[in-house]
Amino acid sequence: MKLFRRGDSSTTDESADSTADSDGGSAAGSTRTVAPATEGKGRPTPKRRDAQGKRRGPVAPAPLTSKEARARRKATRGSRADRKTASSERRVAAQDRRARMLAGEDKYLLPRDQGPVRGFVRDIVDGRRNLVGLFMPMALVLILSMFVAPALQTIVTLAMLVMMAFMIAEGFLLGRIVNGRVRERFPDSVDTGYRLGWYAFVRASQIRKMRAPKPRVSPGDAV
C-alpha cells in the first residue's frame, strides 16, 4: 500500500488539477444557466396606503363638537335656497314623468304596460262596459251594510258569492275575447294566453277613473 508523503508532489498536483477542473466545469455550467437580469423601474414600489392617500387626497379631521358636525353637514348639503330649488326640480320632473305615463307614452310606462299589444288590450277593455269594474264599489257597500244591519249578514254573504261567480265568468269571457283579437291584429305576438287574459281582467276590475294609463277610448267605441 502506497502512502502519501509530504514530498509526493505528483499526487498533490493531480488532486489540485481535478479540483480545478470540477470547479471550472461547475462555474461554466452555472454561467450558461443563469438568465440575464432585467432592468428595474428605478424606484421602489409604493405602499398601498400611500397610493390610496394620493388618490383620495387629504382626509378632513373628525369634528370635535356637535356644532362643528352640524356646520359641516350644512356646508355639504348647501344652502336652503339650493336645496329648495333642487327639491322643486325633482318634484316637477316627477310630475312630468307621471303625466307622460298617464298619457300612455311607451317610454314612461311600466314594463308590464309597454308595447303595442298591451296598448291594444287596454283599448279593448276600456271600450267595453265591464261588470267586473263594479265589484269593488258594490263589495264596499255590502260590507258597510253588514255593520249597519248585522241581521243582513247572510244575505250579504250570498250576494258576495253571486258577484264573485259573475266576475269569474266575465273574466274568462274577456280573456278569450282579448286573446282572439290579439291573434288577429298581431299574429306574430307571443304575448298571449293566460298572462294576457289576466292583464285584461286586472284592467277591467279597476275603476275607470283610477286606471293608469288613462283610457284612450270611450265605452262603446270601436277598437
Foldseek 3Di string as FASTA:
>chain_A
DDDDDPPPVVVVVVVVVVVVVVVVVVVVVVVVPDDDDDDDPPDDDDDPVVVVCVVVDDDDDDDDDPVVVVVVVDVVVDDPVVVVVVVVVVVVVVVVLQVCFLVPDQVSHDPLCHDPLNVVLLQVLQQAQDPLQCLVVVLVVLVVVCVVPVVCPVVSVVVNVVSVVSLVVRLVVSLVVSQVVCCVVPVPDPPHDPNSSVSSSVQNNHHQVPDINHHPDHHNDDD
